[in-house]
Protein backbone atom coordinates (compact mmCIF):
# COMPACT_ATOMS: atom_id res chain seq x y z
CA MET A 1 -41.38 -43.63 21.33
CA THR A 2 -39.30 -41.58 23.08
CA ALA A 3 -36.03 -39.63 21.92
CA ASN A 4 -33.77 -41.67 23.95
CA ASP A 5 -35.01 -45.04 22.89
CA GLY A 6 -32.27 -45.58 20.09
CA SER A 7 -34.70 -45.89 17.12
CA PRO A 8 -33.95 -44.62 13.60
CA ALA A 9 -36.63 -41.92 14.11
CA SER A 10 -34.79 -40.38 17.06
CA SER A 11 -31.33 -40.50 15.51
CA SER A 12 -33.00 -38.76 12.26
CA VAL A 13 -34.29 -36.16 14.64
CA ALA A 14 -30.70 -35.81 16.46
CA SER A 15 -29.13 -35.42 13.15
CA SER A 16 -31.40 -32.93 11.83
CA SER A 17 -31.02 -30.66 14.94
CA GLY A 18 -27.31 -30.93 14.72
CA TRP A 19 -27.25 -29.66 11.01
CA GLN A 20 -29.77 -27.07 11.76
CA GLY A 21 -27.50 -25.93 14.99
CA ILE A 22 -24.34 -25.58 12.51
CA ALA A 23 -26.36 -23.61 9.94
CA GLY A 24 -27.64 -21.33 12.63
CA ASP A 25 -24.18 -20.71 13.63
CA TRP A 26 -22.92 -19.82 10.41
CA SER A 27 -26.05 -17.64 9.89
CA SER A 28 -25.36 -15.69 13.19
CA ASP A 29 -21.74 -15.32 11.91
CA LYS A 30 -22.98 -13.92 8.51
CA ASP A 31 -25.00 -11.52 10.33
CA ALA A 32 -22.17 -10.44 12.62
CA PHE A 33 -19.96 -9.79 9.81
CA LYS A 34 -22.28 -8.57 7.10
CA GLN A 35 -21.17 -4.77 7.56
CA VAL A 36 -17.74 -5.69 6.56
CA PRO A 37 -17.29 -6.39 2.88
CA TRP A 38 -15.24 -9.66 2.23
CA GLY A 39 -12.75 -7.67 -0.21
CA LYS A 40 -12.30 -4.71 2.25
CA ALA A 41 -11.49 -7.18 5.14
CA MET A 42 -9.09 -9.04 2.99
CA MET A 43 -7.24 -5.60 1.91
CA TRP A 44 -7.06 -4.69 5.67
CA ILE A 45 -5.60 -7.72 6.65
CA PHE A 46 -3.08 -7.48 3.75
CA LEU A 47 -2.11 -3.92 4.76
CA LEU A 48 -1.74 -5.19 8.34
CA SER A 49 0.60 -7.98 7.41
CA ASP A 50 2.62 -5.29 5.01
CA THR A 51 2.85 -2.84 7.99
CA PHE A 52 4.68 -5.49 9.83
CA VAL A 53 7.08 -5.88 6.90
CA PHE A 54 7.88 -2.20 6.61
CA THR A 55 8.05 -2.14 10.38
CA CYS A 56 10.88 -4.65 10.42
CA PHE A 57 12.62 -2.73 7.65
CA LEU A 58 12.79 0.49 9.32
CA THR A 59 13.62 -0.96 12.67
CA GLY A 60 16.44 -2.81 11.10
CA TYR A 61 17.50 0.33 9.24
CA MET A 62 17.67 2.33 12.74
CA SER A 63 19.35 -0.54 14.31
CA VAL A 64 21.97 -0.80 11.74
CA ARG A 65 22.62 3.07 11.56
CA ILE A 66 22.75 3.67 15.31
CA SER A 67 25.21 0.69 15.71
CA SER A 68 27.60 1.83 12.82
CA THR A 69 30.86 2.77 13.79
CA VAL A 70 31.44 4.41 10.57
CA PRO A 71 30.07 7.83 9.80
CA TRP A 72 26.63 7.73 8.19
CA PRO A 73 26.14 9.85 5.04
CA ASN A 74 24.47 13.16 5.41
CA PRO A 75 21.14 12.79 3.40
CA SER A 76 21.11 16.55 2.71
CA GLU A 77 24.35 15.93 0.85
CA VAL A 78 23.47 12.84 -0.66
CA PHE A 79 20.28 13.59 -2.01
CA ALA A 80 21.11 17.26 -3.10
CA LEU A 81 20.85 18.45 -6.88
CA THR A 82 22.60 21.02 -8.65
CA ILE A 83 20.48 23.58 -10.21
CA GLY A 84 21.51 26.69 -11.84
CA GLY A 85 24.94 26.21 -10.30
CA ALA A 86 23.58 26.00 -6.65
CA GLU A 87 23.21 22.84 -4.69
CA ILE A 88 19.92 22.48 -3.29
CA PRO A 89 19.41 19.72 -0.63
CA LEU A 90 16.51 17.12 -0.85
CA ILE A 91 14.81 19.01 -3.40
CA LEU A 92 14.14 15.74 -5.49
CA ILE A 93 12.74 14.19 -2.42
CA ALA A 94 10.49 16.90 -1.56
CA ILE A 95 8.96 17.01 -4.86
CA MET A 96 8.40 13.22 -5.00
CA THR A 97 6.74 13.50 -1.50
CA PHE A 98 4.54 16.36 -2.87
CA VAL A 99 3.57 14.29 -5.84
CA LEU A 100 2.67 11.15 -3.77
CA ILE A 101 0.64 13.36 -1.00
CA SER A 102 -1.28 14.99 -3.83
CA SER A 103 -2.29 11.58 -5.37
CA SER A 104 -3.73 10.62 -2.20
CA GLY A 105 -6.10 13.83 -2.45
CA THR A 106 -7.07 12.53 -6.17
CA MET A 107 -7.69 9.07 -4.81
CA ALA A 108 -9.94 10.43 -2.04
CA MET A 109 -11.98 12.41 -4.66
CA ALA A 110 -12.30 9.52 -6.90
CA VAL A 111 -13.61 7.48 -4.01
CA ASN A 112 -16.16 10.49 -3.29
CA PHE A 113 -17.36 10.45 -7.02
CA ALA A 114 -17.69 6.73 -7.21
CA TYR A 115 -20.17 6.79 -4.55
CA ARG A 116 -22.09 9.31 -6.50
CA ARG A 117 -21.94 7.06 -9.48
CA ASP A 118 -20.12 9.59 -11.58
CA ARG A 119 -18.09 7.24 -13.90
CA ALA A 120 -16.22 9.81 -15.82
CA ARG A 121 -14.85 11.85 -12.94
CA THR A 122 -13.95 8.53 -11.08
CA ALA A 123 -11.95 7.16 -13.71
CA ALA A 124 -10.44 10.58 -14.41
CA LEU A 125 -9.18 10.94 -10.97
CA MET A 126 -8.07 7.26 -10.68
CA LEU A 127 -5.97 7.62 -13.70
CA ALA A 128 -4.43 11.03 -12.51
CA THR A 129 -3.67 9.19 -9.15
CA ALA A 130 -1.90 6.51 -11.29
CA ALA A 131 -0.12 9.17 -13.49
CA PHE A 132 0.93 10.75 -9.96
CA GLY A 133 2.39 7.29 -9.11
CA LEU A 134 4.10 6.75 -12.24
CA THR A 135 5.81 10.34 -11.92
CA PHE A 136 6.83 9.27 -8.40
CA VAL A 137 8.46 5.93 -9.81
CA GLY A 138 10.19 8.03 -12.55
CA MET A 139 11.75 10.34 -10.12
CA GLN A 140 12.79 7.48 -7.66
CA ALA A 141 14.47 5.61 -10.87
CA PHE A 142 16.30 8.95 -11.52
CA GLU A 143 17.51 8.81 -7.88
CA TRP A 144 18.81 5.48 -7.95
CA SER A 145 20.54 6.14 -11.31
CA LYS A 146 22.34 9.28 -9.71
CA LEU A 147 23.31 7.29 -6.64
CA ILE A 148 24.66 4.25 -8.78
CA ALA A 149 26.67 6.76 -10.90
CA GLU A 150 28.13 8.21 -7.81
CA GLY A 151 29.19 4.53 -6.75
CA VAL A 152 26.66 3.59 -4.29
CA ARG A 153 26.10 -0.18 -4.20
CA PRO A 154 24.05 -2.50 -2.06
CA TRP A 155 27.41 -3.97 -0.73
CA GLY A 156 29.35 -0.68 -0.57
CA ASN A 157 29.34 3.12 -0.53
CA PRO A 158 32.15 5.65 -0.96
CA MET A 159 30.19 8.32 1.01
CA GLY A 160 30.43 6.42 4.47
CA ALA A 161 29.00 3.44 5.98
CA ALA A 162 28.59 0.37 3.63
CA GLN A 163 25.19 -0.30 5.03
CA PHE A 164 23.76 2.87 3.70
CA GLY A 165 23.43 1.30 0.24
CA ALA A 166 21.90 -1.85 1.24
CA SER A 167 19.32 -0.07 3.31
CA PHE A 168 18.52 2.48 0.83
CA PHE A 169 17.92 0.12 -2.04
CA MET A 170 16.21 -2.34 -0.04
CA ILE A 171 13.62 0.39 1.52
CA THR A 172 12.86 2.45 -1.19
CA GLY A 173 12.82 -0.26 -3.72
CA PHE A 174 10.44 -2.51 -1.96
CA HIS A 175 8.17 0.78 -1.43
CA GLY A 176 8.52 1.51 -5.29
CA LEU A 177 7.43 -1.72 -6.01
CA HIS A 178 4.37 -1.20 -4.18
CA VAL A 179 3.77 1.90 -5.90
CA SER A 180 4.23 0.09 -9.35
CA ILE A 181 1.68 -2.35 -8.30
CA GLY A 182 -0.75 0.26 -7.32
CA VAL A 183 -0.45 2.13 -10.62
CA ILE A 184 -1.41 -1.08 -12.41
CA TYR A 185 -4.06 -1.85 -10.02
CA LEU A 186 -5.39 1.63 -10.05
CA SER A 187 -5.52 1.79 -14.07
CA ILE A 188 -7.41 -1.76 -14.32
CA VAL A 189 -10.13 -0.45 -11.67
CA ALA A 190 -10.34 2.86 -13.59
CA ILE A 191 -10.99 0.91 -16.94
CA LYS A 192 -13.69 -1.28 -15.32
CA VAL A 193 -15.49 1.90 -14.01
CA LEU A 194 -15.36 3.51 -17.52
CA ARG A 195 -16.73 0.14 -19.02
CA GLY A 196 -19.90 0.31 -16.53
CA ASP A 197 -18.73 -2.95 -14.91
CA TYR A 198 -19.47 -1.64 -11.29
CA GLU A 199 -22.57 0.30 -12.50
CA ARG A 200 -24.29 -2.93 -13.63
CA SER A 201 -23.68 -4.45 -10.21
CA GLY A 202 -24.34 -1.19 -8.31
CA ASN A 203 -21.21 -1.72 -6.28
CA TYR A 204 -18.35 0.65 -6.31
CA GLN A 205 -16.64 -0.82 -3.26
CA ASN A 206 -13.72 -1.86 -5.47
CA VAL A 207 -12.72 1.69 -5.84
CA GLU A 208 -12.79 2.24 -2.16
CA ILE A 209 -10.46 -0.88 -1.62
CA ALA A 210 -8.06 0.30 -4.17
CA GLY A 211 -8.11 3.54 -2.30
CA LEU A 212 -7.08 1.94 0.78
CA TYR A 213 -4.18 0.30 -0.76
CA TRP A 214 -3.07 3.73 -2.09
CA HIS A 215 -3.47 5.75 1.12
CA PHE A 216 -1.23 3.01 2.70
CA VAL A 217 1.39 3.35 0.25
CA ASP A 218 1.50 7.22 0.65
CA LEU A 219 1.42 6.59 4.49
CA VAL A 220 4.35 4.20 4.27
CA TRP A 221 6.32 6.87 2.24
CA VAL A 222 5.95 9.55 5.09
CA PHE A 223 7.75 7.22 7.37
CA ILE A 224 10.39 6.38 5.00
CA PHE A 225 10.89 10.14 4.46
CA ALA A 226 11.01 10.92 8.05
CA PHE A 227 13.53 8.21 8.85
CA PHE A 228 15.63 8.11 5.90
CA TYR A 229 15.92 11.35 4.51
CA LEU A 230 15.24 13.90 7.51
CA TRP A 231 17.12 11.71 10.23
């Protein structure tokens, strides 16, 4: 009996070979990508898509500012605070930037201690990172309230170009939302670290994945700071 005689036995062999080939293909794909954890790969994909969104926002901001025929407000004057009778430009923004950059340092140390299986220090540093983020959001809320009190709105601005208000609230608000989500995310992961969830599984990659998200949020702020407050 040959393989080409059309008998049930030959069909069974062909079908078996086909399924084995499919299984082999899947196995080879698994081997090829087994060095990249699924959670980390998904986070990178999310961050890449989020990069496109922030890029569109910042590109739109630059286009609007360049094409505006009405004078654009001077950031050094708009974001100045009066302290001790002296007007200090961008002082609040400088503190906000320092806080967020410092949070990247604590997050990096948290990841380092996580892979050393030091639960207490990992959780403490993650909660410190979340506290930095909460401080940042609080200062951003103060900044918003100050500008709103001065008459800045998404549809108008007494200091110059009307598009300033829409650009400011959209870009900083979207970033502030990311920071707020990050604070909740880091707090949840820190609690799971303290409970020993990752110790039992022997896998602390979720701490590193949370760190990827937080470093991305910090990096985006650097661009917002450069384009919106220094330009």
